[in-house]
N, C-alpha and C. Protein backbone atom coordinates (compact mmCIF):
# COMPACT_ATOMS: atom_id res chain seq x y z
N MET A 1 132.12 117.86 67.57
CA MET A 1 133.42 117.26 67.35
C MET A 1 134.30 117.51 68.58
N GLN A 2 134.96 116.47 69.04
CA GLN A 2 135.80 116.62 70.22
C GLN A 2 137.21 117.04 69.83
N PRO A 3 137.87 117.80 70.68
CA PRO A 3 139.24 118.23 70.38
C PRO A 3 140.18 117.02 70.27
N PRO A 4 141.25 117.13 69.45
CA PRO A 4 142.17 116.00 69.26
C PRO A 4 142.77 115.46 70.55
N HIS A 5 143.06 116.33 71.52
CA HIS A 5 143.66 115.87 72.77
C HIS A 5 142.72 114.95 73.54
N LYS A 6 141.43 115.10 73.33
CA LYS A 6 140.46 114.26 74.03
C LYS A 6 140.64 112.80 73.63
N ASP A 7 140.89 112.55 72.35
CA ASP A 7 141.13 111.18 71.88
C ASP A 7 142.36 110.58 72.56
N ILE A 8 143.37 111.39 72.74
CA ILE A 8 144.60 110.93 73.40
C ILE A 8 144.30 110.59 74.86
N LEU A 9 143.54 111.44 75.53
CA LEU A 9 143.20 111.19 76.93
C LEU A 9 142.36 109.92 77.08
N ILE A 10 141.38 109.75 76.21
CA ILE A 10 140.55 108.55 76.28
C ILE A 10 141.40 107.31 76.04
N LYS A 11 142.28 107.38 75.04
CA LYS A 11 143.16 106.24 74.76
C LYS A 11 144.02 105.91 75.98
N ARG A 12 144.56 106.93 76.61
CA ARG A 12 145.42 106.71 77.78
C ARG A 12 144.64 106.12 78.95
N TRP A 13 143.42 106.60 79.20
CA TRP A 13 142.59 106.04 80.27
C TRP A 13 142.25 104.59 79.98
N MET A 14 142.01 104.27 78.71
CA MET A 14 141.71 102.89 78.36
C MET A 14 142.94 102.00 78.57
N GLU A 15 144.11 102.52 78.25
CA GLU A 15 145.34 101.76 78.51
C GLU A 15 145.50 101.50 80.01
N LYS A 16 145.20 102.50 80.82
CA LYS A 16 145.29 102.32 82.27
C LYS A 16 144.26 101.29 82.76
N SER A 17 143.09 101.28 82.16
CA SER A 17 142.08 100.28 82.50
C SER A 17 142.57 98.89 82.15
N ASP A 18 143.14 98.74 80.96
CA ASP A 18 143.68 97.45 80.55
C ASP A 18 144.78 96.97 81.50
N GLU A 19 145.63 97.89 81.91
CA GLU A 19 146.69 97.56 82.85
C GLU A 19 146.11 97.10 84.19
N ALA A 20 145.07 97.77 84.64
CA ALA A 20 144.43 97.37 85.90
C ALA A 20 143.83 95.98 85.79
N VAL A 21 143.24 95.67 84.64
CA VAL A 21 142.68 94.32 84.42
C VAL A 21 143.80 93.28 84.45
N GLU A 22 144.89 93.55 83.77
CA GLU A 22 146.02 92.60 83.77
C GLU A 22 146.59 92.41 85.17
N THR A 23 146.66 93.49 85.93
CA THR A 23 147.13 93.39 87.32
C THR A 23 146.16 92.57 88.15
N ALA A 24 144.87 92.72 87.90
CA ALA A 24 143.86 91.92 88.61
C ALA A 24 144.05 90.43 88.30
N VAL A 25 144.29 90.11 87.04
CA VAL A 25 144.51 88.71 86.64
C VAL A 25 145.72 88.14 87.38
N LEU A 26 146.81 88.88 87.40
CA LEU A 26 148.01 88.43 88.10
C LEU A 26 147.76 88.28 89.60
N SER A 27 147.00 89.20 90.15
CA SER A 27 146.68 89.13 91.58
C SER A 27 145.86 87.88 91.89
N ILE A 28 144.90 87.57 91.03
CA ILE A 28 144.08 86.37 91.23
C ILE A 28 144.95 85.12 91.12
N GLU A 29 145.82 85.08 90.13
CA GLU A 29 146.70 83.93 89.95
C GLU A 29 147.60 83.70 91.16
N ASN A 30 147.90 84.77 91.89
CA ASN A 30 148.75 84.67 93.07
C ASN A 30 147.96 84.71 94.38
N ASN A 31 146.64 84.56 94.26
CA ASN A 31 145.73 84.50 95.40
C ASN A 31 145.72 85.80 96.24
N PHE A 32 145.94 86.92 95.56
CA PHE A 32 145.83 88.23 96.21
C PHE A 32 144.46 88.80 95.83
N LEU A 33 143.42 88.25 96.44
CA LEU A 33 142.06 88.55 96.00
C LEU A 33 141.62 89.97 96.34
N SER A 34 142.03 90.49 97.47
CA SER A 34 141.68 91.87 97.80
C SER A 34 142.30 92.84 96.80
N ALA A 35 143.54 92.58 96.47
CA ALA A 35 144.22 93.42 95.48
C ALA A 35 143.52 93.29 94.12
N ALA A 36 143.08 92.09 93.78
CA ALA A 36 142.38 91.88 92.52
C ALA A 36 141.09 92.70 92.47
N LEU A 37 140.32 92.67 93.55
CA LEU A 37 139.08 93.47 93.59
C LEU A 37 139.37 94.95 93.43
N ASN A 38 140.42 95.40 94.06
CA ASN A 38 140.82 96.80 93.95
C ASN A 38 141.12 97.16 92.50
N ARG A 39 141.88 96.34 91.82
CA ARG A 39 142.25 96.60 90.43
C ARG A 39 141.04 96.51 89.50
N ILE A 40 140.14 95.58 89.78
CA ILE A 40 138.92 95.45 88.97
C ILE A 40 138.09 96.72 89.09
N TYR A 41 137.95 97.18 90.32
CA TYR A 41 137.20 98.43 90.54
C TYR A 41 137.81 99.57 89.74
N TYR A 42 139.11 99.74 89.83
CA TYR A 42 139.75 100.84 89.13
C TYR A 42 139.73 100.67 87.62
N ALA A 43 139.76 99.43 87.15
CA ALA A 43 139.64 99.21 85.70
C ALA A 43 138.32 99.75 85.20
N ILE A 44 137.26 99.47 85.93
CA ILE A 44 135.95 99.96 85.52
C ILE A 44 135.87 101.47 85.72
N TYR A 45 136.39 101.95 86.83
CA TYR A 45 136.36 103.38 87.10
C TYR A 45 137.08 104.16 86.01
N LYS A 46 138.28 103.72 85.68
CA LYS A 46 139.07 104.43 84.66
C LYS A 46 138.42 104.33 83.30
N ASP A 47 137.79 103.20 83.04
CA ASP A 47 137.10 103.01 81.77
C ASP A 47 135.95 103.99 81.60
N THR A 48 135.27 104.30 82.68
CA THR A 48 134.09 105.16 82.61
C THR A 48 134.38 106.63 82.93
N PHE A 49 135.53 106.91 83.50
CA PHE A 49 135.82 108.25 84.00
C PHE A 49 135.68 109.33 82.93
N MET A 50 136.32 109.16 81.80
CA MET A 50 136.28 110.20 80.77
C MET A 50 134.86 110.40 80.25
N TYR A 51 134.14 109.30 80.10
CA TYR A 51 132.75 109.43 79.63
C TYR A 51 131.91 110.20 80.65
N ARG A 52 132.11 109.89 81.92
CA ARG A 52 131.34 110.58 82.95
C ARG A 52 131.69 112.06 83.01
N GLN A 53 132.97 112.36 82.91
CA GLN A 53 133.41 113.75 82.91
C GLN A 53 132.73 114.51 81.77
N ASP A 54 132.75 113.91 80.59
CA ASP A 54 132.13 114.55 79.43
C ASP A 54 130.64 114.76 79.66
N SER A 55 130.00 113.72 80.14
CA SER A 55 128.56 113.76 80.34
C SER A 55 128.16 114.80 81.39
N ASP A 56 128.96 114.92 82.42
CA ASP A 56 128.64 115.86 83.50
C ASP A 56 129.02 117.31 83.19
N TYR A 57 130.12 117.52 82.46
CA TYR A 57 130.67 118.86 82.36
C TYR A 57 130.78 119.45 80.97
N ASP A 58 130.56 118.66 79.93
CA ASP A 58 130.65 119.16 78.56
C ASP A 58 129.23 119.23 78.00
N VAL A 59 128.69 120.44 77.92
CA VAL A 59 127.29 120.59 77.49
C VAL A 59 127.08 120.17 76.04
N LEU A 60 128.15 120.07 75.27
CA LEU A 60 128.03 119.66 73.87
C LEU A 60 128.13 118.15 73.68
N TYR A 61 128.48 117.44 74.73
CA TYR A 61 128.66 115.99 74.64
C TYR A 61 127.32 115.27 74.80
N THR A 62 127.08 114.34 73.90
CA THR A 62 125.92 113.47 74.00
C THR A 62 126.43 112.04 73.92
N PRO A 63 126.25 111.24 74.97
CA PRO A 63 126.75 109.87 74.93
C PRO A 63 125.97 109.04 73.92
N GLY A 64 126.68 108.14 73.25
CA GLY A 64 126.03 107.24 72.30
C GLY A 64 125.46 106.03 73.03
N ILE A 65 124.39 105.49 72.50
CA ILE A 65 123.74 104.33 73.13
C ILE A 65 124.68 103.13 73.18
N GLU A 66 125.52 102.97 72.16
CA GLU A 66 126.45 101.83 72.15
C GLU A 66 127.42 101.92 73.32
N THR A 67 127.96 103.11 73.54
CA THR A 67 128.90 103.31 74.64
C THR A 67 128.23 103.06 75.99
N VAL A 68 127.04 103.62 76.16
CA VAL A 68 126.33 103.45 77.42
C VAL A 68 126.01 101.98 77.67
N ASN A 69 125.55 101.28 76.66
CA ASN A 69 125.23 99.85 76.81
C ASN A 69 126.48 99.03 77.12
N LYS A 70 127.60 99.36 76.49
CA LYS A 70 128.86 98.65 76.74
C LYS A 70 129.30 98.84 78.19
N LEU A 71 129.22 100.06 78.66
CA LEU A 71 129.64 100.35 80.03
C LEU A 71 128.68 99.73 81.04
N LEU A 72 127.41 99.72 80.73
CA LEU A 72 126.42 99.07 81.61
C LEU A 72 126.70 97.57 81.70
N ALA A 73 127.01 96.95 80.58
CA ALA A 73 127.31 95.51 80.59
C ALA A 73 128.53 95.22 81.46
N ARG A 74 129.55 96.07 81.35
CA ARG A 74 130.74 95.88 82.19
C ARG A 74 130.41 96.05 83.65
N ALA A 75 129.61 97.03 83.97
CA ALA A 75 129.24 97.26 85.37
C ALA A 75 128.45 96.07 85.91
N LYS A 76 127.52 95.55 85.13
CA LYS A 76 126.73 94.39 85.56
C LYS A 76 127.64 93.18 85.78
N GLU A 77 128.56 92.96 84.86
CA GLU A 77 129.52 91.85 85.01
C GLU A 77 130.33 92.00 86.28
N PHE A 78 130.80 93.22 86.51
CA PHE A 78 131.60 93.49 87.69
C PHE A 78 130.83 93.19 88.97
N VAL A 79 129.62 93.71 89.06
CA VAL A 79 128.81 93.50 90.26
C VAL A 79 128.52 92.02 90.44
N GLU A 80 128.22 91.33 89.36
CA GLU A 80 127.94 89.90 89.44
C GLU A 80 129.15 89.11 89.94
N GLU A 81 130.31 89.41 89.40
CA GLU A 81 131.52 88.70 89.81
C GLU A 81 131.90 89.00 91.26
N VAL A 82 131.79 90.26 91.66
CA VAL A 82 132.09 90.61 93.04
C VAL A 82 131.10 89.91 93.97
N SER A 83 129.85 89.87 93.59
CA SER A 83 128.84 89.17 94.41
C SER A 83 129.19 87.70 94.59
N LYS A 84 129.67 87.07 93.52
CA LYS A 84 130.06 85.66 93.60
C LYS A 84 131.22 85.49 94.59
N ILE A 85 132.17 86.38 94.51
CA ILE A 85 133.34 86.29 95.39
C ILE A 85 132.92 86.51 96.84
N ILE A 86 132.09 87.50 97.06
CA ILE A 86 131.66 87.84 98.42
C ILE A 86 130.84 86.70 99.05
N THR A 87 130.01 86.07 98.26
CA THR A 87 129.13 85.04 98.81
C THR A 87 129.75 83.64 98.76
N ALA A 88 130.96 83.53 98.24
CA ALA A 88 131.62 82.21 98.15
C ALA A 88 132.06 81.72 99.50
């Protein structure tokens, strides 16, 4: 069982990820593509940060397959979209 504060931290990191995604959308709409890539990267980074911290440093934490698959799908999407932008 994780401590109650951990839920708050995860929620806050997810909010920051959502904000980064929204900033990326606004950046794209205004043709600030470098800024958009930066925000997309941080959205994914912030989304995975708490999970990675737990996995690396909390010996009692075991990641669930659903979480890992969700994060893998996001990473694949990210790489695919960045590749499209780079090769366009």
